[in-house]
C-alpha atoms as a PDB file:
ATOM      1  CA  MET A   1     -23.934  14.650 -10.577  1.00  0.00           C
ATOM      2  CA  ALA A   2     -23.285  13.640 -14.054  1.00  0.00           C
ATOM      3  CA  ASN A   3     -21.862  10.505 -15.361  1.00  0.00           C
ATOM      4  CA  ILE A   4     -21.042  10.263 -19.309  1.00  0.00           C
ATOM      5  CA  ALA A   5     -20.635   6.705 -20.707  1.00  0.00           C
ATOM      6  CA  ASN A   6     -17.326   6.352 -22.781  1.00  0.00           C
ATOM      7  CA  GLY A   7     -17.459   3.150 -24.476  1.00  0.00           C
ATOM      8  CA  ARG A   8     -19.316  -0.296 -24.216  1.00  0.00           C
ATOM      9  CA  HIS A   9     -18.125  -1.230 -20.593  1.00  0.00           C
ATOM     10  CA  SER A  10     -20.581   0.303 -17.861  1.00  0.00           C
ATOM     11  CA  GLY A  11     -17.203   1.245 -16.125  1.00  0.00           C
ATOM     12  CA  ASN A  12     -15.747   3.396 -18.935  1.00  0.00           C
ATOM     13  CA  CYS A  13     -17.107   6.766 -18.128  1.00  0.00           C
ATOM     14  CA  VAL A  14     -16.092  10.519 -16.966  1.00  0.00           C
ATOM     15  CA  SER A  15     -18.140  11.298 -13.667  1.00  0.00           C
ATOM     16  CA  LEU A  16     -18.547  14.665 -12.033  1.00  0.00           C
ATOM     17  CA  LEU A  17     -18.966  13.620  -8.320  1.00  0.00           C
ATOM     18  CA  ARG A  18     -20.413  16.004  -5.314  1.00  0.00           C
ATOM     19  CA  VAL A  19     -18.311  15.481  -2.031  1.00  0.00           C
ATOM     20  CA  ASN A  20     -20.551  14.975   0.658  1.00  0.00           C
ATOM     21  CA  SER A  21     -18.465  16.145   3.735  1.00  0.00           C
ATOM     22  CA  ALA A  22     -19.282  17.566   7.082  1.00  0.00           C
ATOM     23  CA  ASN A  23     -15.924  19.732   6.486  1.00  0.00           C
ATOM     24  CA  SER A  24     -17.657  22.692   5.431  1.00  0.00           C
ATOM     25  CA  SER A  25     -14.574  23.759   3.323  1.00  0.00           C
ATOM     26  CA  GLN A  26     -14.967  20.875   1.287  1.00  0.00           C
ATOM     27  CA  SER A  27     -18.677  21.660   0.711  1.00  0.00           C
ATOM     28  CA  ASN A  28     -18.088  23.451  -2.547  1.00  0.00           C
ATOM     29  CA  MET A  29     -15.684  20.867  -4.002  1.00  0.00           C
ATOM     30  CA  LEU A  30     -16.515  18.235  -6.686  1.00  0.00           C
ATOM     31  CA  ILE A  31     -14.219  15.583  -8.117  1.00  0.00           C
ATOM     32  CA  LEU A  32     -13.686  15.151 -11.604  1.00  0.00           C
ATOM     33  CA  GLN A  33     -13.227  11.247 -12.600  1.00  0.00           C
ATOM     34  CA  GLU A  34     -12.522   9.315 -15.554  1.00  0.00           C
ATOM     35  CA  SER A  35     -12.625   5.464 -15.137  1.00  0.00           C
ATOM     36  CA  CYS A  36     -11.748   2.909 -17.674  1.00  0.00           C
ATOM     37  CA  THR A  37     -11.419  -1.042 -17.806  1.00  0.00           C
ATOM     38  CA  ASP A  38     -10.230  -3.735 -20.798  1.00  0.00           C
ATOM     39  CA  SER A  39      -8.700  -6.685 -20.974  1.00  0.00           C
ATOM     40  CA  THR A  40      -5.474  -4.795 -20.699  1.00  0.00           C
ATOM     41  CA  GLY A  41      -6.183  -2.922 -17.225  1.00  0.00           C
ATOM     42  CA  SER A  42      -8.011  -0.813 -15.704  1.00  0.00           C
ATOM     43  CA  TYR A  43      -7.357   2.728 -14.308  1.00  0.00           C
ATOM     44  CA  VAL A  44      -9.038   5.712 -12.387  1.00  0.00           C
ATOM     45  CA  VAL A  45      -7.977   8.986 -12.690  1.00  0.00           C
ATOM     46  CA  TYR A  46      -9.818  11.993 -10.664  1.00  0.00           C
ATOM     47  CA  ALA A  47      -9.347  15.350  -9.443  1.00  0.00           C
ATOM     48  CA  PRO A  48     -10.636  17.798  -6.928  1.00  0.00           C
ATOM     49  CA  VAL A  49     -12.312  20.706  -8.703  1.00  0.00           C
ATOM     50  CA  ASP A  50     -14.138  23.915  -7.129  1.00  0.00           C
ATOM     51  CA  THR A  51     -17.729  24.348  -7.998  1.00  0.00           C
ATOM     52  CA  VAL A  52     -17.444  27.955  -8.980  1.00  0.00           C
ATOM     53  CA  ALA A  53     -14.392  26.843 -11.511  1.00  0.00           C
ATOM     54  CA  MET A  54     -16.725  23.989 -12.773  1.00  0.00           C
ATOM     55  CA  ASN A  55     -19.472  26.180 -13.211  1.00  0.00           C
ATOM     56  CA  VAL A  56     -17.145  28.394 -15.438  1.00  0.00           C
ATOM     57  CA  VAL A  57     -16.404  25.534 -17.557  1.00  0.00           C
ATOM     58  CA  LEU A  58     -19.822  24.144 -17.752  1.00  0.00           C
ATOM     59  CA  SER A  59     -20.891  27.613 -19.212  1.00  0.00           C
ATOM     60  CA  GLY A  60     -18.173  27.450 -21.839  1.00  0.00           C
ATOM     61  CA  CYS A  61     -15.353  29.290 -21.018  1.00  0.00           C
ATOM     62  CA  ASP A  62     -11.912  28.004 -21.535  1.00  0.00           C
ATOM     63  CA  PRO A  63     -11.027  25.198 -19.305  1.00  0.00           C
ATOM     64  CA  ASP A  64      -7.179  25.865 -19.549  1.00  0.00           C
ATOM     65  CA  TYR A  65      -7.547  28.196 -16.395  1.00  0.00           C
ATOM     66  CA  VAL A  66      -8.968  25.692 -14.178  1.00  0.00           C
ATOM     67  CA  ALA A  67      -6.180  24.285 -12.256  1.00  0.00           C
ATOM     68  CA  LEU A  68      -6.273  20.334 -11.842  1.00  0.00           C
ATOM     69  CA  LEU A  69      -4.160  18.066  -9.652  1.00  0.00           C
ATOM     70  CA  PRO A  70      -5.222  14.506 -11.016  1.00  0.00           C
ATOM     71  CA  SER A  71      -4.543  11.676  -8.966  1.00  0.00           C
ATOM     72  CA  GLY A  72      -5.300   8.067  -9.593  1.00  0.00           C
ATOM     73  CA  PHE A  73      -4.586   4.473  -9.972  1.00  0.00           C
ATOM     74  CA  ALA A  74      -3.971   1.697 -12.480  1.00  0.00           C
ATOM     75  CA  ILE A  75      -4.230  -2.183 -12.106  1.00  0.00           C
ATOM     76  CA  LEU A  76      -2.942  -4.189 -14.519  1.00  0.00           C
ATOM     77  CA  PRO A  77      -2.004  -7.945 -15.168  1.00  0.00           C
ATOM     78  CA  ASP A  78       1.319  -9.150 -13.300  1.00  0.00           C
ATOM     79  CA  GLY A  79       2.529 -11.356 -16.036  1.00  0.00           C
ATOM     80  CA  PRO A  80       1.084 -14.411 -17.772  1.00  0.00           C
ATOM     81  CA  ALA A  81      -1.913 -16.468 -16.294  1.00  0.00           C
ATOM     82  CA  GLY A  82      -0.689 -19.649 -14.134  1.00  0.00           C
ATOM     83  CA  SER A  83      -0.888 -23.031 -15.763  1.00  0.00           C
ATOM     84  CA  ASN A  84      -2.993 -25.694 -14.368  1.00  0.00           C
ATOM     85  CA  GLY A  85      -0.479 -28.162 -14.939  1.00  0.00           C
ATOM     86  CA  GLY A  86      -1.484 -29.061 -18.531  1.00  0.00           C
ATOM     87  CA  GLY A  87       0.286 -26.448 -19.819  1.00  0.00           C
ATOM     88  CA  ILE A  88      -3.498 -24.545 -20.375  1.00  0.00           C
ATOM     89  CA  LEU A  89      -3.199 -21.158 -18.736  1.00  0.00           C
ATOM     90  CA  GLU A  90      -5.847 -20.302 -16.263  1.00  0.00           C
ATOM     91  CA  VAL A  91      -7.666 -17.164 -16.603  1.00  0.00           C
ATOM     92  CA  GLY A  92      -7.217 -14.789 -13.443  1.00  0.00           C
ATOM     93  CA  SER A  93      -4.579 -16.678 -11.940  1.00  0.00           C
ATOM     94  CA  GLY A  94      -1.305 -14.621 -12.651  1.00  0.00           C
ATOM     95  CA  GLY A  95      -2.054 -11.574  -9.764  1.00  0.00           C
ATOM     96  CA  SER A  96      -2.061  -7.853 -10.385  1.00  0.00           C
ATOM     97  CA  LEU A  97       0.183  -4.835 -10.131  1.00  0.00           C
ATOM     98  CA  ILE A  98      -1.160  -1.769  -9.080  1.00  0.00           C
ATOM     99  CA  THR A  99       0.634   1.948  -9.630  1.00  0.00           C
ATOM    100  CA  VAL A 100      -0.824   4.633  -7.402  1.00  0.00           C
ATOM    101  CA  ALA A 101      -0.129   8.359  -8.047  1.00  0.00           C
ATOM    102  CA  PHE A 102      -0.881  11.243  -6.370  1.00  0.00           C
ATOM    103  CA  GLN A 103      -0.419  15.079  -7.091  1.00  0.00           C
ATOM    104  CA  ILE A 104      -0.907  16.761  -3.736  1.00  0.00           C
ATOM    105  CA  LEU A 105      -0.086  20.956  -3.427  1.00  0.00           C
ATOM    106  CA  VAL A 106       1.659  20.942   0.359  1.00  0.00           C
ATOM    107  CA  ASP A 107       3.081  24.205  -0.118  1.00  0.00           C
ATOM    108  CA  SER A 108       2.457  27.213  -2.694  1.00  0.00           C
ATOM    109  CA  VAL A 109       6.111  28.230  -1.995  1.00  0.00           C
ATOM    110  CA  PRO A 110       8.270  26.287  -4.754  1.00  0.00           C
ATOM    111  CA  THR A 111      11.466  26.632  -2.779  1.00  0.00           C
ATOM    112  CA  ALA A 112       9.571  25.178   0.488  1.00  0.00           C
ATOM    113  CA  ARG A 113      10.940  22.066   2.290  1.00  0.00           C
ATOM    114  CA  LEU A 114       8.452  19.140   3.182  1.00  0.00           C
ATOM    115  CA  SER A 115       7.743  18.964   6.589  1.00  0.00           C
ATOM    116  CA  ILE A 116       7.781  15.576   8.727  1.00  0.00           C
ATOM    117  CA  GLY A 117       3.735  15.816   8.822  1.00  0.00           C
ATOM    118  CA  SER A 118       3.286  16.228   5.296  1.00  0.00           C
ATOM    119  CA  VAL A 119       5.596  13.156   4.480  1.00  0.00           C
ATOM    120  CA  ALA A 120       3.444  11.298   7.125  1.00  0.00           C
ATOM    121  CA  THR A 121       0.262  12.476   5.789  1.00  0.00           C
ATOM    122  CA  VAL A 122       1.082  11.734   2.071  1.00  0.00           C
ATOM    123  CA  ASN A 123       2.365   8.173   3.669  1.00  0.00           C
ATOM    124  CA  SER A 124      -0.918   7.510   5.462  1.00  0.00           C
ATOM    125  CA  LEU A 125      -2.669   8.463   2.615  1.00  0.00           C
ATOM    126  CA  ILE A 126      -0.939   6.374   0.306  1.00  0.00           C
ATOM    127  CA  LYS A 127      -1.358   3.479   2.460  1.00  0.00           C
ATOM    128  CA  CYS A 128      -4.739   3.816   3.309  1.00  0.00           C
ATOM    129  CA  THR A 129      -5.813   4.246  -0.384  1.00  0.00           C
ATOM    130  CA  VAL A 130      -3.915   1.288  -1.596  1.00  0.00           C
ATOM    131  CA  GLU A 131      -5.700  -0.804   1.423  1.00  0.00           C
ATOM    132  CA  ARG A 132      -9.078   0.253   0.228  1.00  0.00           C
ATOM    133  CA  ILE A 133      -8.219  -0.667  -3.662  1.00  0.00           C
ATOM    134  CA  ARG A 134      -7.051  -4.172  -2.230  1.00  0.00           C
ATOM    135  CA  ALA A 135     -10.298  -4.616  -0.188  1.00  0.00           C
ATOM    136  CA  ALA A 136     -12.570  -3.639  -2.978  1.00  0.00           C
ATOM    137  CA  VAL A 137     -10.702  -5.865  -5.489  1.00  0.00           C
ATOM    138  CA  MET A 138     -10.837  -8.903  -3.158  1.00  0.00           C
ATOM    139  CA  ARG A 139     -14.755  -8.275  -2.443  1.00  0.00           C
ATOM    140  CA  GLU A 140     -15.147  -7.909  -6.367  1.00  0.00           C
ATOM    141  CA  THR A 141     -13.200 -11.155  -7.371  1.00  0.00           C
ATOM    142  CA  HIS A 142     -15.139 -13.265  -4.427  1.00  0.00           C
ATOM    143  CA  ASP A 143     -18.707 -12.028  -5.626  1.00  0.00           C
END
């Protein structure tokens, strides 16, 4: 829906994305996302936002009353790049370290215990997300 540049790199921006879903309960959801990349690493932070809440903020009301549960990931170089045998470092041969973080409202009761199903759902979400990030990074490095 909107993309606001934040710096010179085309990937550095704040975006407002519409969720296209067959699930009618998600049809009024938007994703607020910030992405940034430079020579030290990259990150993507995003949060689902209700359409009504976003319209309130866009009309000039106080954004402090909009509940956000941001999630995201960061990709950082994993140590120095490798050497080509002559002591000269090769760019991009040092690997990467990825950190993934999720905030999920499982139960609105603070004293509630997590169910086995909730834990399994979170584990599946983490696994799927990491696999997708890895596939995207691998695709990017081979293109």
